[in-house]
Amino acid sequence: MNNVIIRQEQESDYKQVFKVVKMAFENEKYSDKDEHNLVGRLRKSDVFISELSMVAEIDGKIVGHILFTEITIGGQIALALAPVAVLPDYQGSGIGSKLIKAGHEVAKTLGYKVIVLLGHKEYYPRFGYVKASLYGIKAPFDVPDENFMVLELKENSLKEFNGVVEYASEFFQA
């Protein structure tokens, strides 16, 4: 998939992104099927960073989206990756990987040091994510240890982070 363009989401993309995220999670076993609404809530929140809401586009069609928003861990600002979505017909073609890697680069450029996520234990380690519990970082809800992960963007910065992750209230609304 060499013709994939990764770019910052624009307001004119919102309707297409809504559909992409909704379709991406429709048949996902571990989903509350509300990720598309979560994206909308987070865009209106104080934790939204426009540079970290990105789309994957092929021939003018949005086929994927990723969102990183601010969280705190023990009072320190970090990021949460949630969600990453790719249209079902394009899943498994590397678009999610391109979105994740591009997001990591932008996050580094913006000076963020750490990213947490709740996700598939088989998928995210390939990007450097490890169990958050190894660093004393805990989810504020009950979740399997191997699915709650952290990534260090800046070397040796994880030692600065410890405690329970505080997500924006928008994550808990439905």
N, C-alpha and C. Protein backbone atom coordinates (compact mmCIF):
# COMPACT_ATOMS: atom_id res chain seq x y z
N MET A 1 0.85 -1.19 0.00
CA MET A 1 0.00 0.00 0.00
C MET A 1 0.89 1.25 0.00
N ASN A 2 1.51 1.52 -1.10
CA ASN A 2 2.41 2.66 -1.19
C ASN A 2 1.69 3.98 -1.44
N ASN A 3 0.45 3.92 -1.88
CA ASN A 3 -0.28 5.15 -2.19
C ASN A 3 -1.08 5.66 -0.99
N VAL A 4 -0.69 5.27 0.20
CA VAL A 4 -1.36 5.72 1.41
C VAL A 4 -0.76 7.05 1.85
N ILE A 5 -1.61 8.02 2.06
CA ILE A 5 -1.18 9.33 2.58
C ILE A 5 -1.65 9.41 4.04
N ILE A 6 -0.72 9.70 4.93
CA ILE A 6 -1.05 9.93 6.34
C ILE A 6 -0.97 11.43 6.57
N ARG A 7 -2.05 12.00 7.09
CA ARG A 7 -2.09 13.44 7.30
C ARG A 7 -2.95 13.77 8.51
N GLN A 8 -2.83 15.01 8.95
CA GLN A 8 -3.65 15.49 10.06
C GLN A 8 -5.11 15.55 9.63
N GLU A 9 -5.97 15.11 10.50
CA GLU A 9 -7.41 15.16 10.25
C GLU A 9 -7.87 16.62 10.17
N GLN A 10 -8.78 16.88 9.25
CA GLN A 10 -9.39 18.21 9.12
C GLN A 10 -10.86 18.11 9.52
N GLU A 11 -11.45 19.23 9.88
CA GLU A 11 -12.86 19.22 10.27
C GLU A 11 -13.74 18.64 9.16
N SER A 12 -13.38 18.88 7.92
CA SER A 12 -14.16 18.36 6.79
C SER A 12 -14.10 16.82 6.70
N ASP A 13 -13.19 16.19 7.46
CA ASP A 13 -13.06 14.73 7.47
C ASP A 13 -13.97 14.06 8.50
N TYR A 14 -14.56 14.82 9.40
CA TYR A 14 -15.25 14.25 10.56
C TYR A 14 -16.31 13.22 10.20
N LYS A 15 -17.14 13.49 9.20
CA LYS A 15 -18.21 12.54 8.85
C LYS A 15 -17.62 11.23 8.33
N GLN A 16 -16.60 11.34 7.49
CA GLN A 16 -15.96 10.13 6.96
C GLN A 16 -15.27 9.35 8.07
N VAL A 17 -14.61 10.06 8.97
CA VAL A 17 -13.91 9.40 10.08
C VAL A 17 -14.91 8.69 10.98
N PHE A 18 -16.05 9.32 11.23
CA PHE A 18 -17.10 8.71 12.04
C PHE A 18 -17.45 7.33 11.47
N LYS A 19 -17.65 7.26 10.16
CA LYS A 19 -18.02 6.00 9.49
C LYS A 19 -16.89 4.99 9.55
N VAL A 20 -15.67 5.45 9.32
CA VAL A 20 -14.51 4.55 9.35
C VAL A 20 -14.38 3.90 10.72
N VAL A 21 -14.44 4.71 11.78
CA VAL A 21 -14.26 4.19 13.13
C VAL A 21 -15.41 3.26 13.49
N LYS A 22 -16.62 3.64 13.14
CA LYS A 22 -17.78 2.79 13.45
C LYS A 22 -17.66 1.43 12.76
N MET A 23 -17.33 1.45 11.48
CA MET A 23 -17.21 0.20 10.72
C MET A 23 -16.04 -0.65 11.20
N ALA A 24 -14.95 -0.02 11.59
CA ALA A 24 -13.77 -0.75 12.04
C ALA A 24 -14.04 -1.57 13.29
N PHE A 25 -14.92 -1.09 14.14
CA PHE A 25 -15.17 -1.77 15.42
C PHE A 25 -16.48 -2.56 15.46
N GLU A 26 -17.25 -2.54 14.38
CA GLU A 26 -18.55 -3.22 14.36
C GLU A 26 -18.48 -4.69 14.77
N ASN A 27 -17.47 -5.39 14.28
CA ASN A 27 -17.36 -6.82 14.56
C ASN A 27 -16.22 -7.16 15.51
N GLU A 28 -15.71 -6.15 16.20
CA GLU A 28 -14.60 -6.35 17.13
C GLU A 28 -15.15 -6.93 18.43
N LYS A 29 -14.59 -8.07 18.84
CA LYS A 29 -15.06 -8.78 20.03
C LYS A 29 -14.93 -7.93 21.30
N TYR A 30 -13.77 -7.29 21.48
CA TYR A 30 -13.52 -6.53 22.70
C TYR A 30 -13.75 -5.04 22.45
N SER A 31 -14.99 -4.68 22.20
CA SER A 31 -15.33 -3.29 21.92
C SER A 31 -16.70 -2.99 22.50
N ASP A 32 -16.87 -1.74 22.95
CA ASP A 32 -18.20 -1.33 23.41
C ASP A 32 -19.02 -0.76 22.26
N LYS A 33 -18.46 -0.79 21.06
CA LYS A 33 -19.12 -0.32 19.83
C LYS A 33 -19.44 1.18 19.90
N ASP A 34 -18.67 1.91 20.70
CA ASP A 34 -18.91 3.35 20.87
C ASP A 34 -17.68 4.18 20.52
N GLU A 35 -16.67 3.56 19.93
CA GLU A 35 -15.43 4.26 19.63
C GLU A 35 -15.65 5.48 18.74
N HIS A 36 -16.57 5.39 17.79
CA HIS A 36 -16.85 6.52 16.89
C HIS A 36 -17.40 7.72 17.66
N ASN A 37 -18.21 7.46 18.67
CA ASN A 37 -18.71 8.55 19.51
C ASN A 37 -17.63 9.06 20.46
N LEU A 38 -16.76 8.17 20.92
CA LEU A 38 -15.64 8.57 21.77
C LEU A 38 -14.77 9.58 21.03
N VAL A 39 -14.47 9.33 19.78
CA VAL A 39 -13.66 10.26 18.99
C VAL A 39 -14.33 11.64 18.97
N GLY A 40 -15.63 11.68 18.75
CA GLY A 40 -16.36 12.95 18.73
C GLY A 40 -16.29 13.68 20.06
N ARG A 41 -16.44 12.93 21.14
CA ARG A 41 -16.36 13.54 22.48
C ARG A 41 -14.97 14.08 22.75
N LEU A 42 -13.94 13.30 22.38
CA LEU A 42 -12.57 13.72 22.65
C LEU A 42 -12.17 14.95 21.83
N ARG A 43 -12.70 15.07 20.62
CA ARG A 43 -12.39 16.26 19.80
C ARG A 43 -12.84 17.55 20.49
N LYS A 44 -13.88 17.46 21.30
CA LYS A 44 -14.44 18.65 21.98
C LYS A 44 -13.82 18.87 23.36
N SER A 45 -12.88 18.01 23.75
CA SER A 45 -12.35 18.04 25.11
C SER A 45 -11.06 18.86 25.19
N ASP A 46 -10.63 19.09 26.43
CA ASP A 46 -9.38 19.80 26.70
C ASP A 46 -8.15 18.95 26.39
N VAL A 47 -8.31 17.64 26.24
CA VAL A 47 -7.18 16.75 26.03
C VAL A 47 -6.90 16.50 24.55
N PHE A 48 -7.72 17.09 23.67
CA PHE A 48 -7.57 16.89 22.23
C PHE A 48 -6.37 17.68 21.70
N ILE A 49 -5.57 17.02 20.88
CA ILE A 49 -4.42 17.64 20.23
C ILE A 49 -4.62 17.44 18.73
N SER A 50 -4.94 18.50 18.02
CA SER A 50 -5.32 18.35 16.61
C SER A 50 -4.24 17.66 15.77
N GLU A 51 -2.97 17.92 16.08
CA GLU A 51 -1.87 17.30 15.32
C GLU A 51 -1.83 15.78 15.49
N LEU A 52 -2.45 15.29 16.56
CA LEU A 52 -2.41 13.85 16.85
C LEU A 52 -3.73 13.16 16.54
N SER A 53 -4.56 13.80 15.73
CA SER A 53 -5.74 13.16 15.16
C SER A 53 -5.44 13.06 13.67
N MET A 54 -5.13 11.84 13.23
CA MET A 54 -4.59 11.64 11.88
C MET A 54 -5.42 10.65 11.09
N VAL A 55 -5.40 10.84 9.77
CA VAL A 55 -6.12 9.94 8.88
C VAL A 55 -5.17 9.30 7.88
N ALA A 56 -5.60 8.13 7.39
CA ALA A 56 -4.93 7.46 6.27
C ALA A 56 -5.88 7.59 5.09
N GLU A 57 -5.32 8.02 3.99
CA GLU A 57 -6.14 8.31 2.81
C GLU A 57 -5.56 7.58 1.60
N ILE A 58 -6.43 6.99 0.80
CA ILE A 58 -6.04 6.36 -0.46
C ILE A 58 -6.94 6.93 -1.55
N ASP A 59 -6.35 7.55 -2.53
CA ASP A 59 -7.11 8.13 -3.65
C ASP A 59 -8.27 9.01 -3.17
N GLY A 60 -7.99 9.83 -2.17
CA GLY A 60 -8.99 10.76 -1.66
C GLY A 60 -10.01 10.16 -0.72
N LYS A 61 -9.91 8.86 -0.45
CA LYS A 61 -10.86 8.17 0.46
C LYS A 61 -10.17 7.91 1.79
N ILE A 62 -10.82 8.30 2.88
CA ILE A 62 -10.27 8.02 4.20
C ILE A 62 -10.54 6.56 4.55
N VAL A 63 -9.46 5.83 4.83
CA VAL A 63 -9.58 4.40 5.12
C VAL A 63 -9.12 4.06 6.54
N GLY A 64 -8.56 5.05 7.24
CA GLY A 64 -8.09 4.81 8.59
C GLY A 64 -7.99 6.09 9.39
N HIS A 65 -7.97 5.94 10.71
CA HIS A 65 -7.88 7.09 11.63
C HIS A 65 -7.18 6.64 12.90
N ILE A 66 -6.43 7.56 13.49
CA ILE A 66 -5.80 7.31 14.79
C ILE A 66 -5.92 8.58 15.62
N LEU A 67 -6.06 8.38 16.93
CA LEU A 67 -6.19 9.51 17.84
C LEU A 67 -5.35 9.26 19.09
N PHE A 68 -4.57 10.25 19.44
CA PHE A 68 -3.82 10.27 20.70
C PHE A 68 -4.32 11.48 21.48
N THR A 69 -4.63 11.30 22.76
CA THR A 69 -5.07 12.42 23.59
C THR A 69 -4.26 12.42 24.88
N GLU A 70 -4.25 13.57 25.53
CA GLU A 70 -3.48 13.68 26.78
C GLU A 70 -4.16 12.96 27.93
N ILE A 71 -3.33 12.36 28.75
CA ILE A 71 -3.73 11.73 30.00
C ILE A 71 -2.70 12.15 31.04
N THR A 72 -2.90 11.75 32.28
CA THR A 72 -1.85 11.93 33.27
C THR A 72 -1.57 10.60 33.95
N ILE A 73 -0.32 10.44 34.34
CA ILE A 73 0.12 9.27 35.11
C ILE A 73 0.87 9.83 36.30
N GLY A 74 0.28 9.69 37.48
CA GLY A 74 0.91 10.24 38.67
C GLY A 74 1.22 11.73 38.55
N GLY A 75 0.33 12.45 37.89
CA GLY A 75 0.49 13.89 37.74
C GLY A 75 1.32 14.32 36.54
N GLN A 76 1.97 13.37 35.87
CA GLN A 76 2.79 13.68 34.69
C GLN A 76 1.95 13.53 33.41
N ILE A 77 2.09 14.45 32.49
CA ILE A 77 1.33 14.38 31.24
C ILE A 77 1.94 13.35 30.30
N ALA A 78 1.07 12.51 29.76
CA ALA A 78 1.46 11.50 28.77
C ALA A 78 0.34 11.45 27.73
N LEU A 79 0.38 10.44 26.88
CA LEU A 79 -0.65 10.28 25.86
C LEU A 79 -1.32 8.92 25.97
N ALA A 80 -2.57 8.87 25.51
CA ALA A 80 -3.27 7.61 25.32
C ALA A 80 -3.53 7.45 23.83
N LEU A 81 -3.25 6.28 23.30
CA LEU A 81 -3.60 5.96 21.92
C LEU A 81 -4.96 5.28 21.98
N ALA A 82 -5.97 5.95 21.45
CA ALA A 82 -7.32 5.37 21.43
C ALA A 82 -8.25 6.27 20.64
N PRO A 83 -8.86 5.74 19.64
CA PRO A 83 -8.63 4.44 19.04
C PRO A 83 -7.78 4.55 17.77
N VAL A 84 -7.39 3.40 17.25
CA VAL A 84 -6.85 3.33 15.90
C VAL A 84 -7.85 2.47 15.13
N ALA A 85 -8.25 2.95 13.97
CA ALA A 85 -9.31 2.29 13.21
C ALA A 85 -8.96 2.25 11.73
N VAL A 86 -9.22 1.10 11.12
CA VAL A 86 -9.02 0.94 9.68
C VAL A 86 -10.25 0.24 9.13
N LEU A 87 -10.75 0.72 8.00
CA LEU A 87 -11.91 0.08 7.38
C LEU A 87 -11.66 -1.42 7.22
N PRO A 88 -12.67 -2.26 7.47
CA PRO A 88 -12.48 -3.71 7.40
C PRO A 88 -11.82 -4.20 6.11
N ASP A 89 -12.17 -3.65 4.97
CA ASP A 89 -11.58 -4.09 3.70
C ASP A 89 -10.09 -3.79 3.59
N TYR A 90 -9.59 -2.91 4.43
CA TYR A 90 -8.19 -2.50 4.36
C TYR A 90 -7.38 -3.02 5.54
N GLN A 91 -8.03 -3.70 6.47
CA GLN A 91 -7.31 -4.23 7.63
C GLN A 91 -6.33 -5.31 7.18
N GLY A 92 -5.19 -5.35 7.83
CA GLY A 92 -4.17 -6.34 7.50
C GLY A 92 -3.27 -5.92 6.36
N SER A 93 -3.41 -4.67 5.90
CA SER A 93 -2.61 -4.21 4.76
C SER A 93 -1.52 -3.22 5.17
N GLY A 94 -1.33 -3.03 6.48
CA GLY A 94 -0.26 -2.16 6.95
C GLY A 94 -0.68 -0.72 7.23
N ILE A 95 -1.94 -0.39 7.01
CA ILE A 95 -2.39 0.99 7.22
C ILE A 95 -2.36 1.35 8.71
N GLY A 96 -2.81 0.44 9.56
CA GLY A 96 -2.76 0.69 11.00
C GLY A 96 -1.33 0.95 11.45
N SER A 97 -0.40 0.15 10.96
CA SER A 97 1.02 0.33 11.31
C SER A 97 1.53 1.70 10.88
N LYS A 98 1.16 2.11 9.68
CA LYS A 98 1.59 3.42 9.18
C LYS A 98 1.03 4.54 10.06
N LEU A 99 -0.22 4.42 10.46
CA LEU A 99 -0.84 5.43 11.33
C LEU A 99 -0.13 5.48 12.68
N ILE A 100 0.14 4.32 13.25
CA ILE A 100 0.79 4.26 14.56
C ILE A 100 2.19 4.87 14.50
N LYS A 101 2.97 4.47 13.51
CA LYS A 101 4.34 4.99 13.39
C LYS A 101 4.34 6.50 13.15
N ALA A 102 3.45 6.97 12.29
CA ALA A 102 3.36 8.41 12.03
C ALA A 102 2.94 9.16 13.29
N GLY A 103 2.00 8.60 14.02
CA GLY A 103 1.56 9.22 15.28
C GLY A 103 2.68 9.29 16.29
N HIS A 104 3.46 8.24 16.39
CA HIS A 104 4.61 8.24 17.31
C HIS A 104 5.59 9.36 16.95
N GLU A 105 5.84 9.53 15.67
CA GLU A 105 6.78 10.58 15.23
C GLU A 105 6.27 11.97 15.57
N VAL A 106 4.99 12.22 15.33
CA VAL A 106 4.41 13.53 15.65
C VAL A 106 4.44 13.75 17.16
N ALA A 107 4.09 12.71 17.92
CA ALA A 107 4.10 12.82 19.39
C ALA A 107 5.50 13.17 19.91
N LYS A 108 6.52 12.53 19.34
CA LYS A 108 7.91 12.84 19.73
C LYS A 108 8.24 14.29 19.42
N THR A 109 7.87 14.72 18.23
CA THR A 109 8.13 16.10 17.80
C THR A 109 7.47 17.10 18.74
N LEU A 110 6.28 16.74 19.24
CA LEU A 110 5.56 17.63 20.16
C LEU A 110 6.09 17.55 21.59
N GLY A 111 7.05 16.65 21.83
CA GLY A 111 7.70 16.58 23.14
C GLY A 111 7.09 15.60 24.12
N TYR A 112 6.18 14.76 23.68
CA TYR A 112 5.60 13.76 24.59
C TYR A 112 6.61 12.64 24.80
N LYS A 113 6.55 12.03 26.00
CA LYS A 113 7.55 11.03 26.37
C LYS A 113 7.00 9.61 26.44
N VAL A 114 5.70 9.47 26.75
CA VAL A 114 5.12 8.16 27.03
C VAL A 114 3.72 8.07 26.44
N ILE A 115 3.38 6.87 25.93
CA ILE A 115 2.04 6.59 25.41
C ILE A 115 1.53 5.31 26.08
N VAL A 116 0.28 5.32 26.51
CA VAL A 116 -0.35 4.10 27.01
C VAL A 116 -1.49 3.71 26.08
N LEU A 117 -1.84 2.43 26.13
CA LEU A 117 -2.98 1.97 25.37
C LEU A 117 -3.53 0.69 25.96
N LEU A 118 -4.77 0.42 25.61
CA LEU A 118 -5.43 -0.82 25.93
C LEU A 118 -5.65 -1.49 24.58
N GLY A 119 -5.01 -2.63 24.35
CA GLY A 119 -5.13 -3.23 23.03
C GLY A 119 -4.68 -4.67 22.96
N HIS A 120 -4.65 -5.19 21.75
CA HIS A 120 -4.30 -6.59 21.50
C HIS A 120 -2.84 -6.87 21.85
N LYS A 121 -2.65 -7.83 22.73
CA LYS A 121 -1.30 -8.16 23.21
C LYS A 121 -0.40 -8.72 22.10
N GLU A 122 -0.99 -9.24 21.02
CA GLU A 122 -0.20 -9.78 19.93
C GLU A 122 0.22 -8.69 18.94
N TYR A 123 -0.51 -7.58 18.90
CA TYR A 123 -0.30 -6.57 17.86
C TYR A 123 0.68 -5.47 18.27
N TYR A 124 0.46 -4.87 19.43
CA TYR A 124 1.19 -3.65 19.79
C TYR A 124 2.65 -3.84 20.20
N PRO A 125 3.07 -4.99 20.72
CA PRO A 125 4.50 -5.14 21.05
C PRO A 125 5.43 -4.91 19.84
N ARG A 126 4.95 -5.14 18.63
CA ARG A 126 5.82 -4.93 17.45
C ARG A 126 6.22 -3.46 17.30
N PHE A 127 5.48 -2.56 17.97
CA PHE A 127 5.80 -1.13 17.93
C PHE A 127 6.58 -0.68 19.17
N GLY A 128 6.92 -1.65 20.02
CA GLY A 128 7.69 -1.33 21.21
C GLY A 128 6.89 -1.24 22.50
N TYR A 129 5.60 -1.49 22.43
CA TYR A 129 4.76 -1.44 23.63
C TYR A 129 5.02 -2.66 24.51
N VAL A 130 5.06 -2.40 25.82
CA VAL A 130 5.26 -3.45 26.82
C VAL A 130 4.19 -3.30 27.90
N LYS A 131 4.06 -4.32 28.74
CA LYS A 131 3.08 -4.24 29.82
C LYS A 131 3.38 -3.03 30.71
N ALA A 132 2.37 -2.22 30.92
CA ALA A 132 2.52 -1.01 31.73
C ALA A 132 2.87 -1.36 33.18
N SER A 133 2.38 -2.50 33.63
CA SER A 133 2.63 -2.91 35.02
C SER A 133 4.12 -3.07 35.32
N LEU A 134 4.92 -3.32 34.30
CA LEU A 134 6.38 -3.44 34.50
C LEU A 134 6.97 -2.14 35.02
N TYR A 135 6.27 -1.04 34.82
CA TYR A 135 6.74 0.28 35.25
C TYR A 135 5.87 0.88 36.35
N GLY A 136 5.02 0.05 36.94
CA GLY A 136 4.17 0.55 38.02
C GLY A 136 3.04 1.44 37.53
N ILE A 137 2.70 1.30 36.26
CA ILE A 137 1.61 2.08 35.68
C ILE A 137 0.38 1.20 35.60
N LYS A 138 -0.72 1.70 36.15
CA LYS A 138 -1.94 0.89 36.25
C LYS A 138 -3.12 1.58 35.55
N ALA A 139 -4.02 0.76 35.05
CA ALA A 139 -5.26 1.27 34.46
C ALA A 139 -6.23 1.63 35.58
N PRO A 140 -7.11 2.60 35.35
CA PRO A 140 -8.09 2.98 36.37
C PRO A 140 -9.33 2.08 36.35
N PHE A 141 -9.25 0.98 35.61
CA PHE A 141 -10.36 0.04 35.50
C PHE A 141 -9.77 -1.36 35.40
N ASP A 142 -10.60 -2.36 35.59
CA ASP A 142 -10.14 -3.74 35.56
C ASP A 142 -9.87 -4.16 34.12
N VAL A 143 -8.65 -4.59 33.86
CA VAL A 143 -8.25 -4.97 32.52
C VAL A 143 -7.14 -6.02 32.62
N PRO A 144 -7.11 -6.98 31.68
CA PRO A 144 -6.01 -7.95 31.72
C PRO A 144 -4.66 -7.23 31.60
N ASP A 145 -3.74 -7.63 32.47
CA ASP A 145 -2.42 -7.00 32.55
C ASP A 145 -1.72 -6.93 31.19
N GLU A 146 -1.81 -8.01 30.41
CA GLU A 146 -1.09 -8.06 29.14
C GLU A 146 -1.69 -7.16 28.06
N ASN A 147 -2.88 -6.61 28.29
CA ASN A 147 -3.53 -5.74 27.31
C ASN A 147 -3.36 -4.26 27.60
N PHE A 148 -2.85 -3.93 28.77
CA PHE A 148 -2.62 -2.52 29.13
C PHE A 148 -1.13 -2.26 28.99
N MET A 149 -0.78 -1.47 27.98
CA MET A 149 0.63 -1.34 27.59
C MET A 149 1.10 0.11 27.57
N VAL A 150 2.41 0.23 27.55
CA VAL A 150 3.06 1.54 27.54
C VAL A 150 4.22 1.53 26.55
N LEU A 151 4.48 2.70 25.99
CA LEU A 151 5.61 2.89 25.07
C LEU A 151 6.38 4.12 25.52
N GLU A 152 7.68 3.97 25.57
CA GLU A 152 8.57 5.08 25.91
C GLU A 152 9.03 5.75 24.61
N LEU A 153 8.66 7.02 24.42
CA LEU A 153 9.07 7.76 23.23
C LEU A 153 10.44 8.40 23.42
N LYS A 154 10.71 8.81 24.64
CA LYS A 154 12.00 9.42 24.96
C LYS A 154 12.74 8.49 25.91
N GLU A 155 13.95 8.13 25.55
CA GLU A 155 14.73 7.16 26.31
C GLU A 155 14.84 7.54 27.79
N ASN A 156 14.67 6.53 28.62
CA ASN A 156 14.77 6.65 30.08
C ASN A 156 13.71 7.53 30.72
N SER A 157 12.63 7.83 30.00
CA SER A 157 11.61 8.71 30.59
C SER A 157 10.58 7.93 31.40
N LEU A 158 10.48 6.63 31.20
CA LEU A 158 9.46 5.87 31.94
C LEU A 158 9.70 5.88 33.44
N LYS A 159 10.94 6.09 33.86
CA LYS A 159 11.21 6.13 35.30
C LYS A 159 10.53 7.33 35.97
N GLU A 160 10.12 8.31 35.17
CA GLU A 160 9.42 9.49 35.70
C GLU A 160 7.93 9.23 35.90
N PHE A 161 7.43 8.12 35.35
CA PHE A 161 5.99 7.84 35.36
C PHE A 161 5.68 6.65 36.24
N ASN A 162 4.67 6.84 37.10
CA ASN A 162 4.28 5.78 38.00
C ASN A 162 2.90 6.10 38.54
N GLY A 163 2.06 5.07 38.68
CA GLY A 163 0.75 5.27 39.29
C GLY A 163 -0.39 4.92 38.35
N VAL A 164 -1.56 5.37 38.73
CA VAL A 164 -2.78 5.08 37.98
C VAL A 164 -2.98 6.12 36.88
N VAL A 165 -3.31 5.64 35.71
CA VAL A 165 -3.57 6.53 34.58
C VAL A 165 -4.88 7.26 34.81
N GLU A 166 -4.86 8.56 34.58
CA GLU A 166 -6.10 9.36 34.66
C GLU A 166 -6.49 9.76 33.25
N TYR A 167 -7.59 9.16 32.79
CA TYR A 167 -8.14 9.48 31.48
C TYR A 167 -9.11 10.63 31.60
N ALA A 168 -9.33 11.33 30.49
CA ALA A 168 -10.36 12.36 30.45
C ALA A 168 -11.73 11.72 30.70
N SER A 169 -12.63 12.48 31.29
CA SER A 169 -13.96 11.97 31.59
C SER A 169 -14.69 11.49 30.35
N GLU A 170 -14.33 12.03 29.19
CA GLU A 170 -14.98 11.65 27.93
C GLU A 170 -14.84 10.16 27.63
N PHE A 171 -13.82 9.53 28.17
CA PHE A 171 -13.64 8.09 27.96
C PHE A 171 -14.71 7.26 28.66
N PHE A 172 -15.33 7.85 29.68
CA PHE A 172 -16.27 7.09 30.50
C PHE A 172 -17.72 7.47 30.27
N GLN A 173 -17.98 8.30 29.28
CA GLN A 173 -19.35 8.69 28.94
C GLN A 173 -19.83 7.80 27.80
N ALA A 174 -21.13 7.64 27.72
CA ALA A 174 -21.67 6.86 26.60
C ALA A 174 -22.96 7.47 26.12
